[in-house]
Every structure is written in C-alpha cells, then in structure tokens.
Protein backbone atom coordinates (compact mmCIF):
# COMPACT_ATOMS: atom_id res chain seq x y z
CA MET A 1 -25.98 3.94 -8.42
CA SER A 2 -26.13 2.67 -4.82
CA ASP A 3 -23.05 2.01 -2.66
CA ASN A 4 -23.70 -1.74 -2.78
CA GLU A 5 -23.80 -1.67 -6.54
CA LYS A 6 -20.52 0.25 -6.65
CA LYS A 7 -18.85 -2.38 -4.47
CA THR A 8 -19.69 -5.14 -6.92
CA ILE A 9 -18.33 -3.42 -10.02
CA LEU A 10 -15.80 -5.57 -11.85
CA ILE A 11 -12.29 -4.21 -11.44
CA ASP A 12 -11.63 -4.87 -15.08
CA GLY A 13 -14.31 -2.30 -15.83
CA ALA A 14 -11.52 -0.02 -17.01
CA GLU A 15 -11.04 -2.27 -20.02
CA GLN A 16 -14.79 -2.29 -20.61
CA LEU A 17 -14.78 1.48 -20.36
CA ALA A 18 -12.14 1.72 -23.07
CA MET A 19 -14.21 -0.56 -25.33
CA ASN A 20 -17.35 1.50 -24.74
CA ILE A 21 -15.63 4.78 -25.49
CA ALA A 22 -14.10 3.31 -28.65
CA GLN A 23 -17.56 2.18 -29.72
CA TYR A 24 -19.09 5.58 -29.07
CA SER A 25 -16.30 7.52 -30.75
CA SER A 26 -16.41 5.24 -33.80
CA GLY A 27 -19.69 6.81 -34.80
CA LEU A 28 -22.13 4.19 -33.49
CA ILE A 29 -23.02 6.62 -30.71
CA VAL A 30 -21.96 10.24 -31.03
CA ASP A 31 -23.62 11.77 -27.98
CA ASP A 32 -20.89 13.55 -26.00
CA GLU A 33 -23.05 13.63 -22.89
CA ARG A 34 -23.55 9.85 -23.09
CA ILE A 35 -19.78 9.31 -23.33
CA LEU A 36 -19.34 11.46 -20.22
CA ASP A 37 -21.97 9.39 -18.39
CA VAL A 38 -20.17 6.17 -19.29
CA VAL A 39 -16.83 7.55 -18.08
CA GLN A 40 -18.32 8.67 -14.78
CA GLU A 41 -20.18 5.39 -14.28
CA HIS A 42 -16.94 3.39 -14.52
CA ILE A 43 -14.33 5.78 -13.14
CA ILE A 44 -15.97 7.37 -10.10
CA PRO A 45 -16.29 4.12 -8.09
CA PHE A 46 -12.59 3.43 -8.71
CA GLU A 47 -11.58 6.94 -7.71
CA SER A 48 -13.71 6.74 -4.57
CA PHE A 49 -12.18 3.37 -3.70
CA PHE A 50 -8.59 4.62 -3.98
CA ASP A 51 -9.38 7.95 -2.29
CA THR A 52 -10.59 6.06 0.78
CA TYR A 53 -7.15 4.48 1.19
CA ALA A 54 -5.42 7.79 0.50
CA CYS A 55 -7.42 9.33 3.34
CA ALA A 56 -6.44 6.47 5.65
CA ILE A 57 -2.78 7.12 4.84
CA MET A 58 -3.19 10.79 5.72
CA GLU A 59 -4.72 9.79 9.06
CA MET A 60 -1.87 7.39 9.80
CA GLU A 61 0.82 9.89 8.80
CA THR A 62 -0.78 12.44 11.13
CA LYS A 63 -0.67 9.97 14.01
CA PHE A 64 3.05 9.37 13.51
CA ASN A 65 3.83 13.06 13.00
CA VAL A 66 2.08 13.89 16.28
CA LEU A 67 4.03 11.15 18.08
CA ASN A 68 7.27 12.40 16.55
CA LYS A 69 6.54 15.92 17.73
CA GLN A 70 5.66 14.73 21.21
CA PHE A 71 8.83 12.64 21.47
CA SER A 72 10.94 15.61 20.43
CA LEU A 73 9.54 17.60 23.36
CA ILE A 74 9.80 14.85 25.96
CA TYR A 75 13.05 13.13 24.96
CA ASP A 76 14.78 15.98 23.09
CA GLY A 77 15.00 13.95 19.91
CA ASN A 78 12.91 12.78 16.97
CA PRO A 79 12.57 9.01 16.61
CA ILE A 80 11.30 9.27 13.02
CA VAL A 81 13.74 10.13 10.25
CA TYR A 82 11.18 10.05 7.44
CA ILE A 83 7.86 8.54 6.39
CA VAL A 84 7.09 7.05 2.97
CA SER A 85 3.56 6.11 1.97
CA ARG A 86 1.74 4.82 -1.08
CA VAL A 87 -1.57 3.47 -2.31
CA LYS A 88 -1.02 0.28 -4.30
CA ASP A 89 -1.61 0.93 -7.99
CA TYR A 90 -4.23 -0.71 -10.18
CA ASP A 91 -1.81 -3.13 -11.89
CA SER A 92 -0.37 -4.38 -8.59
CA ILE A 93 -3.85 -4.95 -7.18
CA LEU A 94 -4.94 -6.80 -10.30
CA ARG A 95 -1.88 -9.10 -10.09
CA LYS A 96 -2.78 -9.91 -6.47
CA VAL A 97 -6.39 -10.58 -7.43
CA ILE A 98 -5.23 -13.05 -10.08
CA HIS A 99 -2.64 -14.64 -7.75
CA LYS A 100 -5.21 -15.10 -4.95
CA ASN A 101 -7.93 -16.11 -7.42
CA LEU A 102 -10.31 -13.54 -5.98
CA PRO A 103 -13.60 -12.37 -7.45
CA ARG A 104 -12.96 -9.25 -9.51
CA THR A 105 -14.99 -6.93 -7.32
CA LEU A 106 -14.09 -3.96 -5.18
CA ASP A 107 -15.74 -5.66 -2.23
CA ALA A 108 -13.51 -8.76 -2.59
CA ILE A 109 -10.41 -6.58 -2.91
CA GLU A 110 -11.27 -4.61 0.21
CA LYS A 111 -11.80 -7.77 2.27
CA ASN A 112 -8.84 -9.84 1.04
CA ILE A 113 -5.97 -7.47 0.17
CA ARG A 114 -4.56 -5.80 3.27
CA ASP A 115 -1.66 -3.77 1.90
CA ILE A 116 -3.46 -1.42 -0.47
CA ALA A 117 -2.58 1.45 1.85
CA GLY A 118 1.03 1.29 3.01
CA VAL A 119 2.98 3.52 5.39
CA ARG A 120 6.69 3.00 6.01
CA VAL A 121 8.19 4.70 9.05
CA VAL A 122 11.99 4.88 9.15
CA CYS A 123 13.63 5.42 12.53
CA SER A 124 17.14 6.13 13.76
CA PHE A 125 17.30 3.31 16.31
CA LYS A 126 15.73 -0.10 16.77
CA GLU A 127 14.43 0.87 20.20
CA ASP A 128 12.41 3.68 18.59
CA ILE A 129 10.55 1.16 16.46
CA TYR A 130 9.07 -0.68 19.42
CA ARG A 131 8.39 2.54 21.31
CA LEU A 132 6.41 3.92 18.38
CA GLU A 133 4.58 0.61 18.04
CA ARG A 134 3.48 0.71 21.68
CA CYS A 135 2.30 4.31 21.36
CA LEU A 136 0.40 3.66 18.14
CA LEU A 137 -1.38 0.55 19.38
CA SER A 138 -2.32 2.22 22.65
CA GLN A 139 -4.59 4.63 20.76
CA ASP A 140 -8.21 3.55 21.15
CA ASP A 141 -9.10 4.07 17.49
CA VAL A 142 -6.32 1.78 16.22
CA THR A 143 -7.12 -1.94 15.99
CA LEU A 144 -4.29 -4.44 15.49
CA ILE A 145 -5.20 -7.14 12.96
CA ASP A 146 -1.83 -8.82 12.43
CA ARG A 147 1.78 -8.37 13.55
CA LYS A 148 4.95 -9.83 12.05
CA ASP A 149 8.30 -9.05 13.66
CA TYR A 150 10.98 -9.62 11.04
CA ILE A 151 13.51 -7.81 13.24
CA GLU A 152 13.59 -10.45 15.94
CA HIS A 153 12.83 -13.15 13.35
CA PRO A 154 14.40 -12.08 10.01
CA LYS A 155 13.32 -13.63 6.73
CA PRO A 156 15.74 -16.16 5.17
CA SER A 157 16.77 -13.44 2.70
CA GLY A 158 17.98 -11.27 5.58
CA TYR A 159 15.01 -8.87 5.44
CA ARG A 160 14.28 -7.07 8.71
CA SER A 161 11.30 -4.88 9.54
CA LEU A 162 8.30 -4.75 11.86
CA HIS A 163 5.01 -5.16 10.01
CA LEU A 164 1.68 -4.15 11.51
CA ILE A 165 -1.70 -4.57 9.84
CA VAL A 166 -4.10 -2.18 11.55
CA SER A 167 -7.56 -0.80 11.05
CA ILE A 168 -8.27 2.90 11.59
CA PRO A 169 -11.44 4.94 11.11
CA ILE A 170 -11.76 7.74 8.61
CA PHE A 171 -14.68 10.11 8.47
CA LEU A 172 -16.27 10.70 5.08
CA GLU A 173 -19.34 12.54 3.91
CA GLN A 174 -21.33 9.30 4.19
CA GLY A 175 -20.06 8.62 7.73
CA LYS A 176 -17.28 6.69 9.48
CA LYS A 177 -15.46 3.90 7.65
CA ASP A 178 -12.81 1.54 9.02
CA VAL A 179 -9.88 1.11 6.62
CA ILE A 180 -6.98 -1.35 6.77
CA VAL A 181 -3.44 0.04 6.56
CA GLU A 182 -0.13 -1.81 6.49
CA VAL A 183 2.53 -0.12 8.62
CA GLN A 184 6.22 -1.01 8.27
CA LEU A 185 8.70 0.25 10.86
CA ARG A 186 12.43 -0.10 10.27
CA THR A 187 15.76 1.62 10.89
CA ILE A 188 17.73 3.57 8.30
CA ALA A 189 20.08 0.60 7.88
CA MET A 190 17.16 -1.82 7.41
CA ASP A 191 15.57 0.49 4.85
CA PHE A 192 18.81 0.91 2.91
CA TRP A 193 19.23 -2.88 2.72
CA ALA A 194 15.57 -3.51 1.80
CA ASN A 195 15.68 -1.01 -1.08
CA LEU A 196 18.72 -2.69 -2.56
CA GLU A 197 17.25 -6.16 -2.11
CA HIS A 198 14.02 -5.03 -3.79
CA LYS A 199 15.93 -3.82 -6.85
CA LEU A 200 17.76 -7.14 -7.11
CA LYS A 201 14.55 -9.15 -6.73
CA TYR A 202 12.98 -7.48 -9.77
CA LYS A 203 16.13 -7.31 -11.86
CA LYS A 204 15.67 -9.42 -14.97
CA ASN A 205 18.12 -11.44 -17.04
CA ILE A 206 20.48 -12.28 -14.16
CA ASP A 207 22.35 -15.57 -14.45
CA PRO A 208 20.98 -18.00 -11.80
CA HIS A 209 24.47 -18.71 -10.41
CA ARG A 210 25.21 -15.01 -10.24
CA LEU A 211 21.87 -14.42 -8.54
CA GLU A 212 22.69 -17.04 -5.91
CA ASP A 213 26.03 -15.37 -5.18
CA LEU A 214 24.37 -11.96 -4.91
CA SER A 215 21.72 -13.36 -2.56
CA LYS A 216 24.42 -14.74 -0.26
CA GLU A 217 26.20 -11.40 -0.35
CA LEU A 218 22.97 -9.64 0.59
CA ILE A 219 22.52 -11.96 3.58
CA ASP A 220 26.02 -11.03 4.74
CA CYS A 221 25.18 -7.36 4.27
CA ALA A 222 21.98 -7.83 6.28
CA ASN A 223 24.01 -9.25 9.18
CA ILE A 224 26.46 -6.37 9.00
CA SER A 225 23.52 -3.95 8.89
CA ALA A 226 22.00 -5.58 11.97
CA SER A 227 25.30 -5.34 13.83
CA LEU A 228 25.52 -1.65 12.90
CA ASP A 229 22.05 -1.05 14.35
CA GLU A 230 23.09 -2.77 17.58
CA ARG A 231 26.29 -0.77 17.87
CA MET A 232 24.56 2.53 17.20
CA GLN A 233 21.94 1.61 19.80
CA ASN A 234 24.73 0.89 22.29
CA VAL A 235 26.34 4.26 21.56
CA ARG A 236 23.03 6.03 22.10
CA ASP A 237 22.33 4.14 25.34
CA CYS A 238 25.77 4.99 26.68
CA LEU A 239 25.32 8.67 25.83
CA VAL A 240 21.98 8.70 27.62
CA LYS A 241 23.41 6.92 30.67
CA ASP A 242 26.74 8.77 30.47
CA GLN A 243 28.67 5.49 30.44
CA PRO A 244 31.74 4.38 28.42
CA VAL A 245 30.97 2.89 25.02
CA PRO A 246 31.81 -0.86 24.89
CA GLN A 247 34.61 -1.60 22.44
CA GLN A 248 33.64 -4.32 19.98
CA THR A 249 34.74 -5.02 16.44
CA SER A 250 32.34 -5.65 13.59
CA GLU A 251 33.48 -9.26 13.54
CA ASP A 252 32.59 -9.65 17.23
CA MET A 253 29.12 -8.20 16.67
CA ILE A 254 28.36 -10.40 13.65
CA ASP A 255 29.67 -13.50 15.44
CA GLN A 256 27.34 -12.84 18.37
CA LEU A 257 24.37 -12.33 16.06
CA LEU A 258 25.02 -15.47 14.02
CA ASN A 259 25.54 -17.60 17.13
CA GLY A 260 22.33 -16.38 18.69
CA ASN A 261 24.06 -14.82 21.70
CA GLY A 262 22.69 -11.34 21.12
CA VAL A 263 24.74 -8.21 21.39
CA GLN A 264 25.84 -6.89 24.75
C-alpha cells in the first residue's frame, strides 16, 4: 500500500476491522494468515500516524529539556518545574472530526486538527514563560503557526496560559516530515487552577444554579491565583536585585488586577 493510499484510509476503519475479523472468525474465512493481513492493513497506518506525533513530542520535550539545562547553568535556576505531554486519543480525535464535519481520512485530520500532539510546560514564574517562548521560537527549525496569550488576555472563565501552535521537523526512515505540535506554557498556579476547572467542566449531573455558583468561585480563584503569580514574581525580582520586597495584601493585588492597573 502506498503512502497516499494510507493517508486516505477512513478513520472508522477500526470498526470495519472488527467486522472483518468477526466474519473471518465465524467460519466464513478460517485462514489465520488472511486475518493477520487484514489486521495489518487496517492497524499499521493508524499506528504510523500516531507514532509520528509521538516522535514530534519527543523532539519538543528535548528542546525544552536542553533549554532548561542551559538556563540552570547561566541563571543558576531551572525555569521548568515539569513537562506533561500526550497524543490525543482515537475517541477525542473522532469527536473533533464529527464536530468539525471533516472527511474521515487521516489526511484531513492531519491538516485540520492542530492539537493531536500536545506539550504542557509548567514554570515557576510568569517571566519564565515568555523567556522560554522567545528561546523556542528563535530556533530555526521551529515555525510559529498561531499564538494565543491567555495570560495577558484571560478567557472569561478565568483560564490563563500561553498557547503556541508550532511546526517542527522529525526525521523518519522515509525522510523529513513537518509535524504540528500544540505547546502550552503556564505557571504552577495556572496549572493547578486549570486542572480543577477541567474536572468541573466534565463533571456530570451538577445542578445548573450550583454550576453557576462554582463557575463564579473559580473566576475568583483565578484572580487570586494571578495575584499570587505576581507577588511571587515580585519576590523573585527583589531577591535578584537585592531590594526590599514591596508589602501588599492579597486584596490590594486583586483590586489592581480587576481594575486593570497592573501590579507594581
């Protein structure tokens, strides 16, 4: 089977595979070798497709690990606390295909779904996020496709994070291939809040009024989280500059954030 043929395989081929195997095992066809051929014909293109994104994640993780190591030598500190990565699973991709009304082909998925490979980089301080972004995008094999700064412009829910859609090359047996990866950079506080918000979003059987109250509470928590990030950044800056730490209450910090005055 050629590469072009593999790219046009229906993504619901897994269901067809199950039907074929059931037919063969029912006694209509009893050739074990034929069953193996059918499995390989349907499964290998899927495995190859997902492996490509897994390789892209490894490349991206290596880039950040190298930057983290370099920063530790230059600045005597690691900007990255931890990295979490994942390849979107089959069910999640299928739901997106249906939602976007895309053709059910691997080629259509590759061109239209840009978060199949995801890397989340969690930092100690907000300043580290933008420093890592500048370093990553300065590399000549990284191409920026899209950028959304939900730190400077939070979502209505209170969500904060920096999202980058980038393309990076990976080198396979067949040659070089450019693969799209979604990179999310956030602080520990942002990540803690986002994980809790994600659990609430997918929690079922919550009373609508209760859900509204919880959503408002989460927005308040997001503001407190943002003020904490600002205060911790101030502490760090003062330690670096050997200056006194400004004395501000949590209420002062939140008031400045909500009124758009920034944090001094």
